[in-house]
Each structure stands twice: as structure tokens, then as C-alpha cells.
């Protein structure tokens, strides 16, 4: 079996709305994670790409958050509509999407 080229981690953390930090999966339905899994399968990439649920990635203010390894590409504000573009552009073609990218200086910073 070939090695995985990409591991996509999708934050599914739910945080109390009173926390003020935001929450990556408000409904708890894991719809964003499911969208990534479906897109990977639709494109026949299951042997080389994994899409996994992740606990808190500590980027709540910038969520929903997705990180792609081993490239260490962090995306914030990801919507279901973004999933096909992320798979096409980033996973398949290796292009970083500037409009979703969390810059290094914003990672692990609170608002």
C-alpha cells in the first residue's frame, strides 16, 4: 500500500457559546469532516489521502479549522463549499489557498 501523501485534520470541537472563543463544529454533526471524506472518496484518493476528525486545534477564533500534514498548511474559516477547492488545489496540485490560509503569525494567538 502506498504511503499517505496528505493527512487532513478537521476540527470537530464543540465549545460552549458563552466561552467567546467560537466553535469549529457548532452542531456536533461533523458535516465538514464528512464533506472531506466524501470528496476524497469521490476523487478516488483514499489510498493516499486521509481525512480525519480532530479534537481542538486551538484556533477557535479562526475556525472552522483544518490542517493538512505533512505540509503543515493551516486553513481557517473553512466552509463545506471550500472542500472541493481545497482537495483540488491544495491536495492534488499543491497550491496554498491564500484566502483560507492562517498565517504563521496568527497561529496559536488569541484575538
N, C-alpha and C. Protein backbone atom coordinates (compact mmCIF):
# COMPACT_ATOMS: atom_id res chain seq x y z
N UNK A 1 0.84 -1.18 0.00
CA UNK A 1 0.00 0.00 0.00
C UNK A 1 0.89 1.25 0.00
N UNK A 2 0.58 2.24 -0.83
CA UNK A 2 1.39 3.46 -0.87
C UNK A 2 1.23 4.27 0.42
N UNK A 3 2.25 5.04 0.72
CA UNK A 3 2.20 5.91 1.91
C UNK A 3 1.22 7.05 1.67
N UNK A 4 0.63 7.53 2.74
CA UNK A 4 -0.25 8.69 2.62
C UNK A 4 0.57 9.93 2.29
N UNK A 5 0.07 10.70 1.34
CA UNK A 5 0.73 11.95 0.97
C UNK A 5 0.17 13.13 1.75
N UNK A 6 -1.07 12.99 2.21
CA UNK A 6 -1.74 14.07 2.94
C UNK A 6 -2.61 13.49 4.04
N UNK A 7 -2.54 14.11 5.19
CA UNK A 7 -3.46 13.83 6.28
C UNK A 7 -4.19 15.15 6.54
N UNK A 8 -5.50 15.14 6.35
CA UNK A 8 -6.32 16.33 6.56
C UNK A 8 -7.02 16.16 7.91
N UNK A 9 -6.73 17.06 8.83
CA UNK A 9 -7.35 17.02 10.14
C UNK A 9 -8.38 18.15 10.23
N UNK A 10 -9.63 17.78 10.49
CA UNK A 10 -10.74 18.71 10.54
C UNK A 10 -11.20 18.83 11.98
N UNK A 11 -11.10 20.01 12.55
CA UNK A 11 -11.51 20.21 13.93
C UNK A 11 -13.02 20.03 14.05
N UNK A 12 -13.41 19.19 15.01
CA UNK A 12 -14.84 18.99 15.28
C UNK A 12 -15.17 19.39 16.71
N UNK A 13 -14.31 20.20 17.31
CA UNK A 13 -14.51 20.60 18.70
C UNK A 13 -15.77 21.44 18.85
N UNK A 14 -16.48 21.17 19.92
CA UNK A 14 -17.64 21.97 20.28
C UNK A 14 -17.32 22.70 21.58
N UNK A 15 -17.53 23.98 21.57
CA UNK A 15 -17.23 24.80 22.73
C UNK A 15 -18.53 25.51 23.14
N UNK A 16 -18.69 25.71 24.41
CA UNK A 16 -19.84 26.43 24.93
C UNK A 16 -19.89 27.82 24.30
N UNK A 17 -21.03 28.21 23.74
CA UNK A 17 -21.12 29.54 23.11
C UNK A 17 -20.75 30.68 24.06
N UNK A 18 -20.90 30.48 25.34
CA UNK A 18 -20.56 31.52 26.31
C UNK A 18 -19.06 31.71 26.45
N UNK A 19 -18.25 30.81 25.91
CA UNK A 19 -16.80 30.92 26.04
C UNK A 19 -16.25 32.13 25.31
N UNK A 20 -16.92 32.56 24.26
CA UNK A 20 -16.46 33.70 23.49
C UNK A 20 -15.36 33.37 22.49
N UNK A 21 -14.89 32.13 22.46
CA UNK A 21 -13.80 31.76 21.57
C UNK A 21 -14.27 31.22 20.23
N UNK A 22 -15.52 30.84 20.12
CA UNK A 22 -16.00 30.23 18.90
C UNK A 22 -15.92 28.72 19.00
N UNK A 23 -16.45 28.07 17.98
CA UNK A 23 -16.50 26.61 17.97
C UNK A 23 -16.42 26.14 16.53
N UNK A 24 -15.61 25.13 16.28
CA UNK A 24 -15.44 24.65 14.91
C UNK A 24 -16.60 23.79 14.41
N UNK A 25 -17.35 23.18 15.32
CA UNK A 25 -18.47 22.32 14.92
C UNK A 25 -19.66 22.59 15.84
N UNK A 26 -20.32 23.70 15.60
CA UNK A 26 -21.41 24.14 16.47
C UNK A 26 -22.49 23.09 16.66
N UNK A 27 -22.84 22.38 15.59
CA UNK A 27 -23.96 21.44 15.66
C UNK A 27 -23.56 20.06 16.16
N UNK A 28 -22.29 19.73 16.12
CA UNK A 28 -21.83 18.41 16.51
C UNK A 28 -22.11 17.34 15.47
N UNK A 29 -22.49 17.75 14.27
CA UNK A 29 -22.84 16.80 13.21
C UNK A 29 -21.66 16.39 12.33
N UNK A 30 -20.52 16.99 12.52
CA UNK A 30 -19.31 16.66 11.77
C UNK A 30 -19.51 16.76 10.25
N UNK A 31 -20.30 17.70 9.82
CA UNK A 31 -20.59 17.86 8.39
C UNK A 31 -19.35 18.22 7.58
N UNK A 32 -18.48 19.05 8.12
CA UNK A 32 -17.26 19.43 7.39
C UNK A 32 -16.35 18.22 7.22
N UNK A 33 -16.18 17.45 8.28
CA UNK A 33 -15.38 16.23 8.20
C UNK A 33 -15.97 15.27 7.17
N UNK A 34 -17.28 15.09 7.21
CA UNK A 34 -17.95 14.20 6.26
C UNK A 34 -17.77 14.68 4.82
N UNK A 35 -17.79 16.00 4.62
CA UNK A 35 -17.60 16.55 3.27
C UNK A 35 -16.20 16.23 2.76
N UNK A 36 -15.19 16.34 3.61
CA UNK A 36 -13.83 16.00 3.19
C UNK A 36 -13.73 14.51 2.86
N UNK A 37 -14.28 13.66 3.71
CA UNK A 37 -14.24 12.22 3.47
C UNK A 37 -14.92 11.88 2.14
N UNK A 38 -16.06 12.49 1.88
CA UNK A 38 -16.78 12.24 0.62
C UNK A 38 -16.00 12.71 -0.58
N UNK A 39 -15.38 13.87 -0.48
CA UNK A 39 -14.62 14.42 -1.61
C UNK A 39 -13.39 13.57 -1.91
N UNK A 40 -12.71 13.12 -0.87
CA UNK A 40 -11.55 12.24 -1.06
C UNK A 40 -11.99 10.95 -1.75
N UNK A 41 -13.08 10.40 -1.31
CA UNK A 41 -13.60 9.16 -1.92
C UNK A 41 -14.04 9.40 -3.36
N UNK A 42 -14.76 10.50 -3.58
CA UNK A 42 -15.26 10.82 -4.93
C UNK A 42 -14.13 10.91 -5.94
N UNK A 43 -12.99 11.40 -5.50
CA UNK A 43 -11.84 11.57 -6.39
C UNK A 43 -10.91 10.34 -6.40
N UNK A 44 -11.29 9.30 -5.67
CA UNK A 44 -10.50 8.08 -5.66
C UNK A 44 -9.15 8.21 -4.99
N UNK A 45 -9.06 9.08 -3.98
CA UNK A 45 -7.79 9.35 -3.32
C UNK A 45 -7.61 8.62 -1.99
N UNK A 46 -8.50 7.69 -1.67
CA UNK A 46 -8.47 7.05 -0.35
C UNK A 46 -7.17 6.34 -0.03
N UNK A 47 -6.42 5.90 -1.03
CA UNK A 47 -5.18 5.19 -0.74
C UNK A 47 -4.03 6.10 -0.36
N UNK A 48 -4.15 7.39 -0.69
CA UNK A 48 -3.04 8.31 -0.41
C UNK A 48 -3.43 9.52 0.45
N UNK A 49 -4.71 9.73 0.67
CA UNK A 49 -5.17 10.90 1.43
C UNK A 49 -6.12 10.43 2.53
N UNK A 50 -5.88 10.91 3.75
CA UNK A 50 -6.77 10.62 4.87
C UNK A 50 -7.40 11.91 5.36
N UNK A 51 -8.70 11.85 5.62
CA UNK A 51 -9.42 12.97 6.22
C UNK A 51 -9.94 12.48 7.55
N UNK A 52 -9.47 13.09 8.63
CA UNK A 52 -9.80 12.64 9.97
C UNK A 52 -10.37 13.76 10.82
N UNK A 53 -11.28 13.39 11.70
CA UNK A 53 -11.75 14.32 12.71
C UNK A 53 -10.61 14.58 13.70
N UNK A 54 -10.55 15.80 14.17
CA UNK A 54 -9.55 16.16 15.18
C UNK A 54 -10.25 16.85 16.33
N UNK A 55 -9.71 16.66 17.51
CA UNK A 55 -10.17 17.44 18.65
C UNK A 55 -9.70 18.87 18.47
N UNK A 56 -9.80 19.64 19.50
CA UNK A 56 -9.45 21.06 19.42
C UNK A 56 -8.04 21.27 18.89
N UNK A 57 -7.94 22.12 17.87
CA UNK A 57 -6.65 22.50 17.30
C UNK A 57 -6.20 23.86 17.85
N UNK A 58 -6.96 24.40 18.80
CA UNK A 58 -6.67 25.65 19.50
C UNK A 58 -6.58 26.86 18.59
N UNK A 59 -7.41 26.85 17.56
CA UNK A 59 -7.52 28.00 16.67
C UNK A 59 -8.99 28.42 16.58
N UNK A 60 -9.68 28.33 17.70
CA UNK A 60 -11.14 28.51 17.76
C UNK A 60 -11.62 29.81 17.14
N UNK A 61 -10.88 30.89 17.39
CA UNK A 61 -11.29 32.19 16.86
C UNK A 61 -11.22 32.24 15.34
N UNK A 62 -10.48 31.33 14.74
CA UNK A 62 -10.28 31.32 13.30
C UNK A 62 -11.02 30.18 12.61
N UNK A 63 -11.82 29.46 13.36
CA UNK A 63 -12.46 28.24 12.85
C UNK A 63 -13.66 28.48 11.96
N UNK A 64 -14.15 27.40 11.42
CA UNK A 64 -13.66 26.04 11.50
C UNK A 64 -12.26 25.91 10.91
N UNK A 65 -11.46 25.12 11.61
CA UNK A 65 -10.05 24.98 11.27
C UNK A 65 -9.75 23.61 10.68
N UNK A 66 -8.88 23.62 9.65
CA UNK A 66 -8.40 22.41 9.00
C UNK A 66 -6.90 22.54 8.88
N UNK A 67 -6.18 21.45 9.16
CA UNK A 67 -4.74 21.46 8.95
C UNK A 67 -4.36 20.25 8.11
N UNK A 68 -3.48 20.47 7.17
CA UNK A 68 -3.04 19.41 6.26
C UNK A 68 -1.57 19.14 6.51
N UNK A 69 -1.29 17.87 6.85
CA UNK A 69 0.08 17.43 7.09
C UNK A 69 0.47 16.38 6.07
N UNK A 70 1.75 16.25 5.74
CA UNK A 70 2.90 16.83 6.41
C UNK A 70 3.25 18.25 5.96
N UNK A 71 2.46 18.83 5.10
CA UNK A 71 2.76 20.16 4.57
C UNK A 71 2.57 21.27 5.61
N UNK A 72 1.85 20.99 6.69
CA UNK A 72 1.57 21.95 7.76
C UNK A 72 0.89 23.21 7.22
N UNK A 73 -0.16 22.99 6.44
CA UNK A 73 -0.97 24.09 5.90
C UNK A 73 -2.20 24.21 6.79
N UNK A 74 -2.36 25.39 7.39
CA UNK A 74 -3.48 25.65 8.28
C UNK A 74 -4.49 26.55 7.58
N UNK A 75 -5.72 26.09 7.51
CA UNK A 75 -6.81 26.86 6.92
C UNK A 75 -7.84 27.20 7.99
N UNK A 76 -8.36 28.41 7.94
CA UNK A 76 -9.39 28.86 8.87
C UNK A 76 -10.61 29.37 8.15
N UNK A 77 -11.72 29.38 8.85
CA UNK A 77 -12.98 29.83 8.27
C UNK A 77 -13.44 28.93 7.15
N UNK A 78 -13.10 27.65 7.23
CA UNK A 78 -13.41 26.69 6.17
C UNK A 78 -14.90 26.35 6.19
N UNK A 79 -15.49 26.40 5.00
CA UNK A 79 -16.90 26.04 4.82
C UNK A 79 -17.00 24.80 3.95
N UNK A 80 -18.12 24.15 4.00
CA UNK A 80 -18.34 22.96 3.18
C UNK A 80 -18.11 23.27 1.71
N UNK A 81 -18.48 24.45 1.29
CA UNK A 81 -18.30 24.85 -0.12
C UNK A 81 -16.83 24.93 -0.51
N UNK A 82 -15.94 25.08 0.46
CA UNK A 82 -14.50 25.17 0.20
C UNK A 82 -13.84 23.80 -0.03
N UNK A 83 -14.50 22.74 0.41
CA UNK A 83 -13.88 21.42 0.41
C UNK A 83 -13.41 20.97 -0.98
N UNK A 84 -14.24 21.01 -2.03
CA UNK A 84 -13.73 20.57 -3.34
C UNK A 84 -12.52 21.38 -3.82
N UNK A 85 -12.52 22.66 -3.53
CA UNK A 85 -11.41 23.53 -3.94
C UNK A 85 -10.14 23.19 -3.16
N UNK A 86 -10.27 22.91 -1.86
CA UNK A 86 -9.10 22.54 -1.07
C UNK A 86 -8.51 21.24 -1.60
N UNK A 87 -9.35 20.26 -1.86
CA UNK A 87 -8.84 18.99 -2.37
C UNK A 87 -8.20 19.18 -3.74
N UNK A 88 -8.86 19.90 -4.61
CA UNK A 88 -8.34 20.11 -5.97
C UNK A 88 -7.03 20.92 -5.95
N UNK A 89 -7.08 22.07 -5.34
CA UNK A 89 -5.95 22.99 -5.41
C UNK A 89 -4.79 22.60 -4.49
N UNK A 90 -5.09 22.30 -3.25
CA UNK A 90 -4.02 22.04 -2.28
C UNK A 90 -3.55 20.59 -2.31
N UNK A 91 -4.48 19.67 -2.22
CA UNK A 91 -4.09 18.27 -2.14
C UNK A 91 -3.57 17.76 -3.48
N UNK A 92 -4.30 18.02 -4.54
CA UNK A 92 -3.91 17.49 -5.85
C UNK A 92 -2.80 18.31 -6.50
N UNK A 93 -2.94 19.64 -6.48
CA UNK A 93 -1.99 20.49 -7.21
C UNK A 93 -0.94 21.18 -6.35
N UNK A 94 -1.03 21.04 -5.03
CA UNK A 94 -0.01 21.60 -4.15
C UNK A 94 -0.04 23.11 -4.00
N UNK A 95 -1.17 23.73 -4.32
CA UNK A 95 -1.28 25.19 -4.20
C UNK A 95 -1.97 25.58 -2.89
N UNK A 96 -1.38 26.53 -2.22
CA UNK A 96 -1.96 27.04 -0.98
C UNK A 96 -3.00 28.10 -1.32
N UNK A 97 -4.15 28.03 -0.65
CA UNK A 97 -5.23 28.98 -0.88
C UNK A 97 -5.09 30.17 0.07
N UNK A 98 -4.66 31.28 -0.47
CA UNK A 98 -4.36 32.46 0.36
C UNK A 98 -5.58 32.95 1.14
N UNK A 99 -6.77 32.82 0.57
CA UNK A 99 -7.96 33.34 1.25
C UNK A 99 -8.36 32.51 2.47
N UNK A 100 -7.87 31.29 2.59
CA UNK A 100 -8.19 30.44 3.74
C UNK A 100 -6.99 30.25 4.68
N UNK A 101 -5.82 30.57 4.21
CA UNK A 101 -4.59 30.31 4.96
C UNK A 101 -4.55 31.10 6.27
N UNK A 102 -4.22 30.41 7.35
CA UNK A 102 -3.94 31.08 8.62
C UNK A 102 -2.45 31.37 8.62
N UNK A 103 -2.06 32.63 8.57
CA UNK A 103 -0.63 32.95 8.55
C UNK A 103 0.06 32.49 9.83
N UNK A 104 1.32 32.14 9.71
CA UNK A 104 2.09 31.65 10.86
C UNK A 104 1.99 32.57 12.07
N UNK A 105 2.00 33.88 11.84
CA UNK A 105 1.97 34.81 12.97
C UNK A 105 0.61 34.83 13.69
N UNK A 106 -0.43 34.27 13.07
CA UNK A 106 -1.74 34.20 13.73
C UNK A 106 -1.96 32.87 14.44
N UNK A 107 -1.17 31.85 14.11
CA UNK A 107 -1.34 30.55 14.75
C UNK A 107 -1.06 30.67 16.25
N UNK A 108 -1.90 30.03 17.01
CA UNK A 108 -1.79 29.98 18.47
C UNK A 108 -1.87 31.35 19.13
N UNK A 109 -2.40 32.31 18.41
CA UNK A 109 -2.62 33.64 19.00
C UNK A 109 -4.10 33.80 19.29
N UNK A 110 -4.42 34.33 20.40
CA UNK A 110 -5.81 34.64 20.73
C UNK A 110 -6.10 36.02 20.16
N UNK A 111 -7.32 36.24 19.77
CA UNK A 111 -7.72 37.51 19.13
C UNK A 111 -7.09 38.69 19.71
